[in-house]
Amino acid sequence: MRIVLADDHAILRQGLRSLLDNLPGYEVIGEANNGREAIRLVEELTPELVILDIAMPELDGIKAAGVLKEKFPNLKIIILSIYSDASYIRQAFNHGASGYLLKEAAFDELKMALEFIAQDRTYMSSSLMPVVIDTFVEKTPDESEMEKYQRLTDREKEILKLIIKGYKRAEIANELYISLKTVDQHKKNIKDKLEISDFVELPSHTSFLES
């Protein structure tokens, strides 16, 4: 599997590259120190896998993952981060990541993640499971919350799905062939019906939205 590494810490990249290059069947073919460079390298080198840090200059790893997954749907993406917050984990998978590992994890765990991802499965550091479970228990929508979502029109649900995927205002307009003013009105209606002031207040569990 051909890999591109993206992390703004050169020592970490070099150490990880050395470990991966000694792993049979894996080869690091490029290194980037920011999200934009990672996208450029993926476009140029067409790897099967990219490993992204979150906190990088110019473009963070989560946003870079979203761009890459849109351009290259078959690309495998692993987020390697210091952050164990549920919000980061949720954003990473919503933006197309196949795996999420903490930098403190042992290399054996990364090897396990690589095996999972090669089989088109997702992987998350085992130490993160309590965080995810606690968030799910706290934020699984109750019946009243479900009813709020049912207030949305089909168009509003469609726009909400794009917001959850990380689409920006102009991108939503282009995707749905509507004006920016119409997007703004729909977003206001959505927030009013869901009784939220900002979309960051959305619960992590939104799978009950119609597909």
Protein backbone atom coordinates (compact mmCIF):
# COMPACT_ATOMS: atom_id res chain seq x y z
CA MET A 1 0.00 0.00 0.00
CA ARG A 2 1.42 3.36 -1.05
CA ILE A 3 1.16 6.04 1.64
CA VAL A 4 1.41 9.82 1.96
CA LEU A 5 2.16 11.21 5.44
CA ALA A 6 1.04 14.68 6.50
CA ASP A 7 2.20 16.18 9.79
CA ASP A 8 3.86 19.51 10.54
CA HIS A 9 6.40 17.84 12.84
CA ALA A 10 9.26 16.55 10.72
CA ILE A 11 10.69 14.28 13.42
CA LEU A 12 7.36 12.50 13.86
CA ARG A 13 6.99 12.07 10.09
CA GLN A 14 10.49 10.68 9.74
CA GLY A 15 10.02 8.25 12.61
CA LEU A 16 6.69 7.03 11.29
CA ARG A 17 8.09 6.72 7.79
CA SER A 18 10.93 4.54 9.03
CA LEU A 19 8.49 2.21 10.81
CA LEU A 20 6.10 1.98 7.85
CA ASP A 21 8.83 1.45 5.26
CA ASN A 22 9.98 -1.59 7.26
CA LEU A 23 6.48 -3.03 7.23
CA PRO A 24 6.02 -5.54 4.36
CA GLY A 25 3.57 -4.33 1.76
CA TYR A 26 3.71 -0.66 2.75
CA GLU A 27 5.71 2.21 1.26
CA VAL A 28 5.72 5.91 2.12
CA ILE A 29 5.89 7.77 -1.19
CA GLY A 30 5.47 11.34 0.02
CA GLU A 31 5.50 13.66 3.03
CA ALA A 32 3.64 16.91 3.61
CA ASN A 33 3.80 19.45 6.42
CA ASN A 34 0.34 20.97 5.90
CA GLY A 35 -3.09 20.05 4.57
CA ARG A 36 -2.78 21.84 1.23
CA GLU A 37 0.51 20.16 0.46
CA ALA A 38 -1.06 16.81 1.37
CA ILE A 39 -3.82 17.37 -1.18
CA ARG A 40 -1.27 18.33 -3.83
CA LEU A 41 0.81 15.22 -3.16
CA VAL A 42 -2.20 12.93 -3.28
CA GLU A 43 -3.22 14.44 -6.62
CA GLU A 44 0.31 14.01 -7.94
CA LEU A 45 1.25 10.61 -6.50
CA THR A 46 -2.17 8.85 -6.21
CA PRO A 47 -1.47 6.81 -3.04
CA GLU A 48 -3.91 4.27 -1.61
CA LEU A 49 -3.67 5.75 1.90
CA VAL A 50 -3.00 9.12 3.49
CA ILE A 51 -2.23 9.59 7.18
CA LEU A 52 -3.18 13.06 8.40
CA ASP A 53 -2.51 15.02 11.56
CA ILE A 54 -5.36 17.31 12.61
CA ALA A 55 -3.50 20.43 13.75
CA MET A 56 -1.57 21.54 10.66
CA PRO A 57 -1.02 25.02 9.18
CA GLU A 58 -2.89 26.33 6.12
CA LEU A 59 -5.47 23.53 6.14
CA ASP A 60 -6.17 21.18 9.06
CA GLY A 61 -6.33 17.43 8.66
CA ILE A 62 -10.10 17.10 8.99
CA LYS A 63 -10.82 19.66 6.28
CA ALA A 64 -8.12 18.11 4.10
CA ALA A 65 -9.75 14.71 4.59
CA GLY A 66 -13.08 16.09 3.38
CA VAL A 67 -11.51 17.55 0.24
CA LEU A 68 -9.56 14.39 -0.50
CA LYS A 69 -12.49 12.04 0.04
CA GLU A 70 -14.63 14.10 -2.33
CA LYS A 71 -11.94 14.03 -5.03
CA PHE A 72 -10.81 10.46 -4.42
CA PRO A 73 -13.69 8.37 -2.99
CA ASN A 74 -11.59 5.19 -2.81
CA LEU A 75 -8.74 6.82 -0.90
CA LYS A 76 -8.19 5.45 2.63
CA ILE A 77 -7.64 8.08 5.31
CA ILE A 78 -6.28 7.70 8.84
CA ILE A 79 -6.35 10.61 11.27
CA LEU A 80 -3.43 10.46 13.69
CA SER A 81 -3.93 13.03 16.43
CA ILE A 82 -3.31 14.09 20.01
CA TYR A 83 -7.00 14.98 20.39
CA SER A 84 -9.33 12.53 22.12
CA ASP A 85 -12.40 14.80 22.11
CA ALA A 86 -15.57 13.20 20.77
CA SER A 87 -16.18 16.22 18.54
CA TYR A 88 -12.90 15.66 16.67
CA ILE A 89 -13.62 11.95 16.27
CA ARG A 90 -17.10 12.66 14.92
CA GLN A 91 -15.82 15.28 12.48
CA ALA A 92 -13.06 13.00 11.24
CA PHE A 93 -15.42 10.17 10.34
CA ASN A 94 -17.99 12.59 8.92
CA HIS A 95 -15.26 13.92 6.61
CA GLY A 96 -14.37 10.50 5.26
CA ALA A 97 -11.74 9.08 7.61
CA SER A 98 -11.46 5.29 7.80
CA GLY A 99 -9.49 5.35 11.03
CA TYR A 100 -8.75 7.57 14.02
CA LEU A 101 -5.71 6.91 16.21
CA LEU A 102 -4.05 8.80 19.00
CA LYS A 103 -0.39 9.67 18.56
CA GLU A 104 0.33 8.02 21.89
CA ALA A 105 -0.79 4.66 20.47
CA ALA A 106 1.79 1.93 19.97
CA PHE A 107 2.88 1.10 16.42
CA ASP A 108 1.20 -2.31 16.79
CA GLU A 109 -2.14 -0.49 16.97
CA LEU A 110 -1.38 1.37 13.75
CA LYS A 111 -0.58 -1.96 12.11
CA MET A 112 -3.94 -3.28 13.29
CA ALA A 113 -5.65 -0.18 11.88
CA LEU A 114 -3.92 -0.74 8.54
CA GLU A 115 -5.19 -4.32 8.45
CA PHE A 116 -8.75 -3.20 9.20
CA ILE A 117 -8.69 -0.46 6.60
CA ALA A 118 -7.26 -2.78 3.94
CA GLN A 119 -10.44 -4.84 4.45
CA ASP A 120 -12.65 -1.75 4.01
CA ARG A 121 -13.38 -1.64 7.73
CA THR A 122 -13.06 1.35 10.05
CA TYR A 123 -10.77 1.52 13.05
CA MET A 124 -10.58 3.68 16.16
CA SER A 125 -8.11 3.56 19.02
CA SER A 126 -9.48 1.29 21.73
CA SER A 127 -8.71 3.96 24.36
CA LEU A 128 -11.27 6.23 22.66
CA MET A 129 -14.21 3.85 23.07
CA PRO A 130 -15.27 5.17 26.51
CA VAL A 131 -15.34 8.71 25.09
CA VAL A 132 -17.54 7.68 22.18
CA ILE A 133 -19.86 5.56 24.32
CA ASP A 134 -20.31 8.35 26.88
CA THR A 135 -21.12 10.82 24.12
CA PHE A 136 -23.60 8.43 22.53
CA VAL A 137 -25.37 7.84 25.83
CA GLU A 138 -25.52 11.56 26.58
CA LYS A 139 -26.58 12.69 23.12
CA THR A 140 -28.72 9.95 21.62
CA PRO A 141 -31.86 11.86 20.65
CA ASP A 142 -34.98 11.24 22.67
CA GLU A 143 -38.48 11.22 21.21
CA SER A 144 -38.92 14.99 21.51
CA GLU A 145 -35.66 15.57 19.64
CA MET A 146 -36.77 13.19 16.92
CA GLU A 147 -39.97 15.19 16.59
CA LYS A 148 -37.97 18.36 16.01
CA TYR A 149 -36.19 16.75 13.05
CA GLN A 150 -39.51 15.64 11.63
CA ARG A 151 -40.52 19.30 11.39
CA LEU A 152 -37.96 19.79 8.63
CA THR A 153 -39.02 19.79 5.00
CA ASP A 154 -37.31 17.42 2.55
CA ARG A 155 -35.21 20.30 1.24
CA GLU A 156 -34.18 21.33 4.76
CA LYS A 157 -33.16 17.75 5.55
CA GLU A 158 -31.14 17.69 2.35
CA ILE A 159 -29.33 20.88 3.33
CA LEU A 160 -28.80 19.64 6.87
CA LYS A 161 -27.09 16.50 5.55
CA LEU A 162 -24.70 18.68 3.53
CA ILE A 163 -23.97 20.83 6.60
CA ILE A 164 -23.17 17.69 8.62
CA LYS A 165 -20.81 16.59 5.83
CA GLY A 166 -18.94 19.88 6.17
CA TYR A 167 -20.28 21.72 3.11
CA LYS A 168 -19.92 25.50 3.21
CA ARG A 169 -22.60 28.01 2.24
CA ALA A 170 -21.41 28.45 -1.35
CA GLU A 171 -20.86 24.72 -1.78
CA ILE A 172 -24.45 24.00 -0.73
CA ALA A 173 -25.70 26.57 -3.23
CA ASN A 174 -23.66 25.00 -6.03
CA GLU A 175 -24.65 21.46 -5.09
CA LEU A 176 -28.38 22.20 -5.02
CA TYR A 177 -28.46 24.91 -7.72
CA ILE A 178 -29.98 27.50 -5.41
CA SER A 179 -28.97 31.04 -4.45
CA LEU A 180 -26.91 31.95 -1.40
CA LYS A 181 -29.92 33.88 -0.09
CA THR A 182 -32.04 30.73 -0.33
CA VAL A 183 -29.37 28.73 1.51
CA ASP A 184 -29.33 31.32 4.29
CA GLN A 185 -33.12 31.21 4.63
CA HIS A 186 -33.15 27.41 4.80
CA LYS A 187 -30.38 27.42 7.41
CA LYS A 188 -32.35 29.91 9.53
CA ASN A 189 -35.46 27.74 9.23
CA ILE A 190 -33.51 24.63 10.23
CA LYS A 191 -32.06 26.31 13.32
CA ASP A 192 -35.48 27.64 14.32
CA LYS A 193 -37.14 24.22 13.97
CA LEU A 194 -34.34 22.37 15.79
CA GLU A 195 -34.18 25.10 18.44
CA ILE A 196 -30.43 25.60 18.14
CA SER A 197 -28.43 28.80 17.76
CA ASP A 198 -25.55 27.21 15.86
CA PHE A 199 -24.98 23.97 13.97
CA VAL A 200 -22.20 22.93 16.36
CA GLU A 201 -25.02 22.18 18.80
CA LEU A 202 -26.24 19.30 16.64
CA PRO A 203 -26.13 15.96 18.47
CA SER A 204 -23.51 13.49 17.30
CA HIS A 205 -26.20 10.87 16.63
CA THR A 206 -27.99 11.99 13.44
CA SER A 207 -28.44 8.67 11.71
CA PHE A 208 -32.23 8.91 11.99
CA LEU A 209 -32.19 11.52 9.23
CA GLU A 210 -33.60 10.01 6.09
CA SER A 211 -30.93 8.75 3.71
